[in-house]
Amino acid sequence: RISRLSPAPIHDLALIKLARPVPLTNLINVACLPTHSDQLQDGKLAFTAGWGHSSPSSTAVNVPRKARIRISPRACRALM
């Protein structure tokens, strides 16, 4: 059941509320999200993952991909 829908033009993220707890395993785990106090340092390496486009002209993939990227607060702000 969908309780709230907040469309976002480029950020495809879903939060799922489960009816009961799910046991965590090496294949099922919680997402680690940064807290407000976490400092993302410009130029530091990070990982990103998802099913989206790998370039503006590509199509979305049907298997998850991951990439190691450099953090760029200026580029992130430009996308927001």
PDB file of N, CA and C in Angstrom:
ATOM      1  N   ARG A   1       0.847  -1.168   0.000  1.00  0.00           N
ATOM      2  CA  ARG A   1       0.000   0.000   0.000  1.00  0.00           C
ATOM      3  C   ARG A   1       0.892   1.230   0.000  1.00  0.00           C
ATOM      4  N   ILE A   2       0.680   2.142  -0.898  1.00  0.00           N
ATOM      5  CA  ILE A   2       1.435   3.388  -0.972  1.00  0.00           C
ATOM      6  C   ILE A   2       0.771   4.406  -0.060  1.00  0.00           C
ATOM      7  N   SER A   3       1.551   4.931   0.906  1.00  0.00           N
ATOM      8  CA  SER A   3       0.979   5.922   1.823  1.00  0.00           C
ATOM      9  C   SER A   3       1.272   7.346   1.380  1.00  0.00           C
ATOM     10  N   ARG A   4       2.364   7.536   0.650  1.00  0.00           N
ATOM     11  CA  ARG A   4       2.689   8.879   0.175  1.00  0.00           C
ATOM     12  C   ARG A   4       3.575   8.769  -1.053  1.00  0.00           C
ATOM     13  N   LEU A   5       3.323   9.607  -2.020  1.00  0.00           N
ATOM     14  CA  LEU A   5       4.109   9.636  -3.241  1.00  0.00           C
ATOM     15  C   LEU A   5       4.648  11.038  -3.428  1.00  0.00           C
ATOM     16  N   SER A   6       5.972  11.154  -3.524  1.00  0.00           N
ATOM     17  CA  SER A   6       6.616  12.450  -3.731  1.00  0.00           C
ATOM     18  C   SER A   6       7.447  12.362  -5.000  1.00  0.00           C
ATOM     19  N   PRO A   7       6.885  12.727  -6.133  1.00  0.00           N
ATOM     20  CA  PRO A   7       7.638  12.612  -7.381  1.00  0.00           C
ATOM     21  C   PRO A   7       8.871  13.511  -7.388  1.00  0.00           C
ATOM     22  N   ALA A   8       9.970  12.960  -7.851  1.00  0.00           N
ATOM     23  CA  ALA A   8      11.213  13.714  -7.993  1.00  0.00           C
ATOM     24  C   ALA A   8      11.708  13.491  -9.414  1.00  0.00           C
ATOM     25  N   PRO A   9      12.092  14.537 -10.113  1.00  0.00           N
ATOM     26  CA  PRO A   9      12.442  14.393 -11.527  1.00  0.00           C
ATOM     27  C   PRO A   9      13.660  13.521 -11.811  1.00  0.00           C
ATOM     28  N   ILE A  10      14.670  13.533 -10.928  1.00  0.00           N
ATOM     29  CA  ILE A  10      15.878  12.767 -11.246  1.00  0.00           C
ATOM     30  C   ILE A  10      16.347  11.856 -10.125  1.00  0.00           C
ATOM     31  N   HIS A  11      15.738  11.901  -8.966  1.00  0.00           N
ATOM     32  CA  HIS A  11      16.200  11.094  -7.831  1.00  0.00           C
ATOM     33  C   HIS A  11      15.185  10.005  -7.553  1.00  0.00           C
ATOM     34  N   ASP A  12      15.476   8.776  -7.967  1.00  0.00           N
ATOM     35  CA  ASP A  12      14.533   7.673  -7.784  1.00  0.00           C
ATOM     36  C   ASP A  12      14.907   6.873  -6.542  1.00  0.00           C
ATOM     37  N   LEU A  13      14.247   7.179  -5.447  1.00  0.00           N
ATOM     38  CA  LEU A  13      14.510   6.561  -4.158  1.00  0.00           C
ATOM     39  C   LEU A  13      13.181   6.161  -3.549  1.00  0.00           C
ATOM     40  N   ALA A  14      13.124   4.977  -2.962  1.00  0.00           N
ATOM     41  CA  ALA A  14      11.890   4.518  -2.322  1.00  0.00           C
ATOM     42  C   ALA A  14      12.188   4.101  -0.891  1.00  0.00           C
ATOM     43  N   LEU A  15      11.314   4.467   0.027  1.00  0.00           N
ATOM     44  CA  LEU A  15      11.377   4.001   1.406  1.00  0.00           C
ATOM     45  C   LEU A  15      10.227   3.035   1.595  1.00  0.00           C
ATOM     46  N   ILE A  16      10.531   1.873   2.123  1.00  0.00           N
ATOM     47  CA  ILE A  16       9.520   0.832   2.281  1.00  0.00           C
ATOM     48  C   ILE A  16       9.335   0.542   3.761  1.00  0.00           C
ATOM     49  N   LYS A  17       8.098   0.629   4.235  1.00  0.00           N
ATOM     50  CA  LYS A  17       7.773   0.289   5.616  1.00  0.00           C
ATOM     51  C   LYS A  17       7.219  -1.129   5.615  1.00  0.00           C
ATOM     52  N   LEU A  18       7.892  -2.029   6.330  1.00  0.00           N
ATOM     53  CA  LEU A  18       7.497  -3.429   6.344  1.00  0.00           C
ATOM     54  C   LEU A  18       6.492  -3.701   7.455  1.00  0.00           C
ATOM     55  N   ALA A  19       5.617  -4.657   7.228  1.00  0.00           N
ATOM     56  CA  ALA A  19       4.610  -5.028   8.225  1.00  0.00           C
ATOM     57  C   ALA A  19       5.246  -5.745   9.413  1.00  0.00           C
ATOM     58  N   ARG A  20       6.355  -6.435   9.179  1.00  0.00           N
ATOM     59  CA  ARG A  20       7.045  -7.133  10.271  1.00  0.00           C
ATOM     60  C   ARG A  20       8.553  -7.102  10.001  1.00  0.00           C
ATOM     61  N   PRO A  21       9.366  -7.295  11.036  1.00  0.00           N
ATOM     62  CA  PRO A  21      10.824  -7.269  10.851  1.00  0.00           C
ATOM     63  C   PRO A  21      11.303  -8.374   9.906  1.00  0.00           C
ATOM     64  N   VAL A  22      12.378  -8.082   9.211  1.00  0.00           N
ATOM     65  CA  VAL A  22      13.015  -9.043   8.314  1.00  0.00           C
ATOM     66  C   VAL A  22      14.379  -9.374   8.906  1.00  0.00           C
ATOM     67  N   PRO A  23      14.728 -10.661   9.002  1.00  0.00           N
ATOM     68  CA  PRO A  23      16.056 -10.999   9.532  1.00  0.00           C
ATOM     69  C   PRO A  23      17.149 -10.520   8.577  1.00  0.00           C
ATOM     70  N   LEU A  24      18.161  -9.878   9.137  1.00  0.00           N
ATOM     71  CA  LEU A  24      19.272  -9.385   8.323  1.00  0.00           C
ATOM     72  C   LEU A  24      20.246 -10.522   8.052  1.00  0.00           C
ATOM     73  N   THR A  25      20.754 -10.563   6.828  1.00  0.00           N
ATOM     74  CA  THR A  25      21.701 -11.597   6.409  1.00  0.00           C
ATOM     75  C   THR A  25      22.804 -10.931   5.595  1.00  0.00           C
ATOM     76  N   ASN A  26      23.681 -11.746   5.009  1.00  0.00           N
ATOM     77  CA  ASN A  26      24.712 -11.160   4.146  1.00  0.00           C
ATOM     78  C   ASN A  26      24.116 -10.678   2.821  1.00  0.00           C
ATOM     79  N   LEU A  27      22.863 -11.069   2.514  1.00  0.00           N
ATOM     80  CA  LEU A  27      22.188 -10.615   1.299  1.00  0.00           C
ATOM     81  C   LEU A  27      21.106  -9.573   1.568  1.00  0.00           C
ATOM     82  N   ILE A  28      20.626  -9.493   2.806  1.00  0.00           N
ATOM     83  CA  ILE A  28      19.585  -8.535   3.191  1.00  0.00           C
ATOM     84  C   ILE A  28      20.131  -7.687   4.325  1.00  0.00           C
ATOM     85  N   ASN A  29      20.197  -6.374   4.115  1.00  0.00           N
ATOM     86  CA  ASN A  29      20.735  -5.493   5.143  1.00  0.00           C
ATOM     87  C   ASN A  29      20.123  -4.111   4.997  1.00  0.00           C
ATOM     88  N   VAL A  30      20.366  -3.270   5.972  1.00  0.00           N
ATOM     89  CA  VAL A  30      19.846  -1.908   5.949  1.00  0.00           C
ATOM     90  C   VAL A  30      20.788  -1.012   5.148  1.00  0.00           C
ATOM     91  N   ALA A  31      20.250   0.053   4.599  1.00  0.00           N
ATOM     92  CA  ALA A  31      21.064   1.022   3.866  1.00  0.00           C
ATOM     93  C   ALA A  31      21.741   1.952   4.861  1.00  0.00           C
ATOM     94  N   CYS A  32      22.998   2.231   4.652  1.00  0.00           N
ATOM     95  CA  CYS A  32      23.737   3.167   5.500  1.00  0.00           C
ATOM     96  C   CYS A  32      23.679   4.541   4.843  1.00  0.00           C
ATOM     97  N   LEU A  33      22.955   5.445   5.464  1.00  0.00           N
ATOM     98  CA  LEU A  33      22.824   6.803   4.940  1.00  0.00           C
ATOM     99  C   LEU A  33      23.601   7.760   5.829  1.00  0.00           C
ATOM    100  N   PRO A  34      24.180   8.808   5.260  1.00  0.00           N
ATOM    101  CA  PRO A  34      24.921   9.769   6.082  1.00  0.00           C
ATOM    102  C   PRO A  34      23.982  10.550   6.994  1.00  0.00           C
ATOM    103  N   THR A  35      24.497  10.919   8.158  1.00  0.00           N
ATOM    104  CA  THR A  35      23.735  11.769   9.067  1.00  0.00           C
ATOM    105  C   THR A  35      23.988  13.222   8.695  1.00  0.00           C
ATOM    106  N   HIS A  36      23.221  14.111   9.287  1.00  0.00           N
ATOM    107  CA  HIS A  36      23.371  15.538   9.004  1.00  0.00           C
ATOM    108  C   HIS A  36      24.774  16.034   9.359  1.00  0.00           C
ATOM    109  N   SER A  37      25.381  15.429  10.387  1.00  0.00           N
ATOM    110  CA  SER A  37      26.697  15.895  10.832  1.00  0.00           C
ATOM    111  C   SER A  37      27.852  15.290  10.025  1.00  0.00           C
ATOM    112  N   ASP A  38      27.586  14.289   9.188  1.00  0.00           N
ATOM    113  CA  ASP A  38      28.652  13.711   8.366  1.00  0.00           C
ATOM    114  C   ASP A  38      29.163  14.742   7.367  1.00  0.00           C
ATOM    115  N   GLN A  39      30.462  14.823   7.246  1.00  0.00           N
ATOM    116  CA  GLN A  39      31.081  15.764   6.320  1.00  0.00           C
ATOM    117  C   GLN A  39      31.534  15.020   5.069  1.00  0.00           C
ATOM    118  N   LEU A  40      30.981  15.388   3.932  1.00  0.00           N
ATOM    119  CA  LEU A  40      31.408  14.812   2.668  1.00  0.00           C
ATOM    120  C   LEU A  40      32.516  15.694   2.108  1.00  0.00           C
ATOM    121  N   GLN A  41      33.718  15.154   2.070  1.00  0.00           N
ATOM    122  CA  GLN A  41      34.877  15.950   1.684  1.00  0.00           C
ATOM    123  C   GLN A  41      35.040  15.978   0.167  1.00  0.00           C
ATOM    124  N   ASP A  42      35.230  17.171  -0.349  1.00  0.00           N
ATOM    125  CA  ASP A  42      35.433  17.376  -1.779  1.00  0.00           C
ATOM    126  C   ASP A  42      36.633  16.558  -2.249  1.00  0.00           C
ATOM    127  N   GLY A  43      36.448  15.774  -3.300  1.00  0.00           N
ATOM    128  CA  GLY A  43      37.527  14.983  -3.872  1.00  0.00           C
ATOM    129  C   GLY A  43      37.712  13.611  -3.263  1.00  0.00           C
ATOM    130  N   LYS A  44      37.039  13.322  -2.135  1.00  0.00           N
ATOM    131  CA  LYS A  44      37.177  12.020  -1.493  1.00  0.00           C
ATOM    132  C   LYS A  44      36.458  10.960  -2.329  1.00  0.00           C
ATOM    133  N   LEU A  45      36.986   9.722  -2.334  1.00  0.00           N
ATOM    134  CA  LEU A  45      36.372   8.640  -3.095  1.00  0.00           C
ATOM    135  C   LEU A  45      35.175   8.071  -2.347  1.00  0.00           C
ATOM    136  N   ALA A  46      34.139   7.697  -3.094  1.00  0.00           N
ATOM    137  CA  ALA A  46      32.927   7.113  -2.524  1.00  0.00           C
ATOM    138  C   ALA A  46      32.366   6.095  -3.514  1.00  0.00           C
ATOM    139  N   PHE A  47      31.410   5.303  -3.055  1.00  0.00           N
ATOM    140  CA  PHE A  47      30.739   4.335  -3.922  1.00  0.00           C
ATOM    141  C   PHE A  47      29.312   4.780  -4.182  1.00  0.00           C
ATOM    142  N   THR A  48      28.825   4.500  -5.364  1.00  0.00           N
ATOM    143  CA  THR A  48      27.429   4.733  -5.721  1.00  0.00           C
ATOM    144  C   THR A  48      26.910   3.455  -6.376  1.00  0.00           C
ATOM    145  N   ALA A  49      25.623   3.213  -6.242  1.00  0.00           N
ATOM    146  CA  ALA A  49      25.030   2.011  -6.832  1.00  0.00           C
ATOM    147  C   ALA A  49      23.609   2.302  -7.270  1.00  0.00           C
ATOM    148  N   GLY A  50      23.142   1.575  -8.276  1.00  0.00           N
ATOM    149  CA  GLY A  50      21.766   1.743  -8.712  1.00  0.00           C
ATOM    150  C   GLY A  50      21.513   1.152 -10.080  1.00  0.00           C
ATOM    151  N   TRP A  51      20.308   1.385 -10.559  1.00  0.00           N
ATOM    152  CA  TRP A  51      19.852   0.844 -11.831  1.00  0.00           C
ATOM    153  C   TRP A  51      19.703   1.940 -12.882  1.00  0.00           C
ATOM    154  N   GLY A  52      20.161   3.100 -12.624  1.00  0.00           N
ATOM    155  CA  GLY A  52      19.919   4.234 -13.516  1.00  0.00           C
ATOM    156  C   GLY A  52      20.775   4.245 -14.765  1.00  0.00           C
ATOM    157  N   HIS A  53      20.830   5.403 -15.361  1.00  0.00           N
ATOM    158  CA  HIS A  53      21.584   5.624 -16.596  1.00  0.00           C
ATOM    159  C   HIS A  53      23.062   5.821 -16.271  1.00  0.00           C
ATOM    160  N   SER A  54      23.939   5.299 -17.121  1.00  0.00           N
ATOM    161  CA  SER A  54      25.375   5.497 -16.914  1.00  0.00           C
ATOM    162  C   SER A  54      25.884   6.733 -17.638  1.00  0.00           C
ATOM    163  N   SER A  55      25.064   7.286 -18.535  1.00  0.00           N
ATOM    164  CA  SER A  55      25.367   8.544 -19.209  1.00  0.00           C
ATOM    165  C   SER A  55      24.040   9.152 -19.657  1.00  0.00           C
ATOM    166  N   PRO A  56      24.022  10.446 -19.959  1.00  0.00           N
ATOM    167  CA  PRO A  56      22.757  11.088 -20.349  1.00  0.00           C
ATOM    168  C   PRO A  56      22.080  10.449 -21.562  1.00  0.00           C
ATOM    169  N   SER A  57      22.841   9.847 -22.462  1.00  0.00           N
ATOM    170  CA  SER A  57      22.245   9.271 -23.672  1.00  0.00           C
ATOM    171  C   SER A  57      21.965   7.769 -23.563  1.00  0.00           C
ATOM    172  N   SER A  58      22.290   7.152 -22.417  1.00  0.00           N
ATOM    173  CA  SER A  58      22.087   5.708 -22.280  1.00  0.00           C
ATOM    174  C   SER A  58      20.690   5.389 -21.756  1.00  0.00           C
ATOM    175  N   THR A  59      20.320   4.118 -21.857  1.00  0.00           N
ATOM    176  CA  THR A  59      19.055   3.670 -21.273  1.00  0.00           C
ATOM    177  C   THR A  59      19.341   3.062 -19.906  1.00  0.00           C
ATOM    178  N   ALA A  60      18.319   2.980 -19.056  1.00  0.00           N
ATOM    179  CA  ALA A  60      18.483   2.397 -17.727  1.00  0.00           C
ATOM    180  C   ALA A  60      18.790   0.904 -17.863  1.00  0.00           C
ATOM    181  N   VAL A  61      19.540   0.376 -16.919  1.00  0.00           N
ATOM    182  CA  VAL A  61      19.912  -1.037 -16.939  1.00  0.00           C
ATOM    183  C   VAL A  61      18.946  -1.836 -16.064  1.00  0.00           C
ATOM    184  N   ASN A  62      18.877  -3.156 -16.290  1.00  0.00           N
ATOM    185  CA  ASN A  62      17.987  -3.970 -15.472  1.00  0.00           C
ATOM    186  C   ASN A  62      18.722  -4.799 -14.430  1.00  0.00           C
ATOM    187  N   VAL A  63      20.021  -4.590 -14.298  1.00  0.00           N
ATOM    188  CA  VAL A  63      20.798  -5.196 -13.217  1.00  0.00           C
ATOM    189  C   VAL A  63      21.527  -4.061 -12.498  1.00  0.00           C
ATOM    190  N   PRO A  64      21.656  -4.153 -11.178  1.00  0.00           N
ATOM    191  CA  PRO A  64      22.304  -3.052 -10.460  1.00  0.00           C
ATOM    192  C   PRO A  64      23.778  -2.920 -10.835  1.00  0.00           C
ATOM    193  N   ARG A  65      24.230  -1.692 -10.869  1.00  0.00           N
ATOM    194  CA  ARG A  65      25.636  -1.392 -11.134  1.00  0.00           C
ATOM    195  C   ARG A  65      26.200  -0.629  -9.954  1.00  0.00           C
ATOM    196  N   LYS A  66      27.519  -0.667  -9.829  1.00  0.00           N
ATOM    197  CA  LYS A  66      28.165   0.148  -8.805  1.00  0.00           C
ATOM    198  C   LYS A  66      29.362   0.830  -9.436  1.00  0.00           C
ATOM    199  N   ALA A  67      29.744   1.949  -8.843  1.00  0.00           N
ATOM    200  CA  ALA A  67      30.887   2.698  -9.358  1.00  0.00           C
ATOM    201  C   ALA A  67      31.568   3.415  -8.207  1.00  0.00           C
ATOM    202  N   ARG A  68      32.853   3.636  -8.355  1.00  0.00           N
ATOM    203  CA  ARG A  68      33.618   4.427  -7.393  1.00  0.00           C
ATOM    204  C   ARG A  68      33.771   5.810  -8.005  1.00  0.00           C
ATOM    205  N   ILE A  69      33.366   6.828  -7.256  1.00  0.00           N
ATOM    206  CA  ILE A  69      33.358   8.196  -7.781  1.00  0.00           C
ATOM    207  C   ILE A  69      34.057   9.136  -6.813  1.00  0.00           C
ATOM    208  N   ARG A  70      34.400  10.316  -7.290  1.00  0.00           N
ATOM    209  CA  ARG A  70      34.938  11.367  -6.422  1.00  0.00           C
ATOM    210  C   ARG A  70      33.802  12.296  -6.031  1.00  0.00           C
ATOM    211  N   ILE A  71      33.739  12.639  -4.756  1.00  0.00           N
ATOM    212  CA  ILE A  71      32.693  13.530  -4.251  1.00  0.00           C
ATOM    213  C   ILE A  71      32.955  14.947  -4.742  1.00  0.00           C
ATOM    214  N   SER A  72      31.903  15.579  -5.259  1.00  0.00           N
ATOM    215  CA  SER A  72      31.984  16.953  -5.733  1.00  0.00           C
ATOM    216  C   SER A  72      30.746  17.708  -5.257  1.00  0.00           C
ATOM    217  N   PRO A  73      30.809  18.364  -4.080  1.00  0.00           N
ATOM    218  CA  PRO A  73      29.648  19.102  -3.577  1.00  0.00           C
ATOM    219  C   PRO A  73      29.106  20.116  -4.586  1.00  0.00           C
ATOM    220  N   ARG A  74      29.976  20.755  -5.340  1.00  0.00           N
ATOM    221  CA  ARG A  74      29.531  21.739  -6.333  1.00  0.00           C
ATOM    222  C   ARG A  74      28.680  21.062  -7.409  1.00  0.00           C
ATOM    223  N   ALA A  75      29.119  19.894  -7.895  1.00  0.00           N
ATOM    224  CA  ALA A  75      28.347  19.168  -8.910  1.00  0.00           C
ATOM    225  C   ALA A  75      27.023  18.672  -8.330  1.00  0.00           C
ATOM    226  N   CYS A  76      27.028  18.214  -7.076  1.00  0.00           N
ATOM    227  CA  CYS A  76      25.784  17.757  -6.432  1.00  0.00           C
ATOM    228  C   CYS A  76      24.788  18.902  -6.304  1.00  0.00           C
ATOM    229  N   ARG A  77      25.254  20.060  -5.866  1.00  0.00           N
ATOM    230  CA  ARG A  77      24.362  21.219  -5.724  1.00  0.00           C
ATOM    231  C   ARG A  77      23.765  21.617  -7.072  1.00  0.00           C
ATOM    232  N   ALA A  78      24.550  21.489  -8.135  1.00  0.00           N
ATOM    233  CA  ALA A  78      24.056  21.847  -9.464  1.00  0.00           C
ATOM    234  C   ALA A  78      22.928  20.918  -9.903  1.00  0.00           C
ATOM    235  N   LEU A  79      22.949  19.663  -9.443  1.00  0.00           N
ATOM    236  CA  LEU A  79      21.903  18.703  -9.797  1.00  0.00           C
ATOM    237  C   LEU A  79      20.658  18.853  -8.943  1.00  0.00           C
ATOM    238  N   MET A  80      20.795  19.428  -7.770  1.00  0.00           N
ATOM    239  CA  MET A  80      19.648  19.567  -6.869  1.00  0.00           C
ATOM    240  C   MET A  80      18.870  20.758  -7.290  1.00  0.00           C
TER     241      MET A  80
END
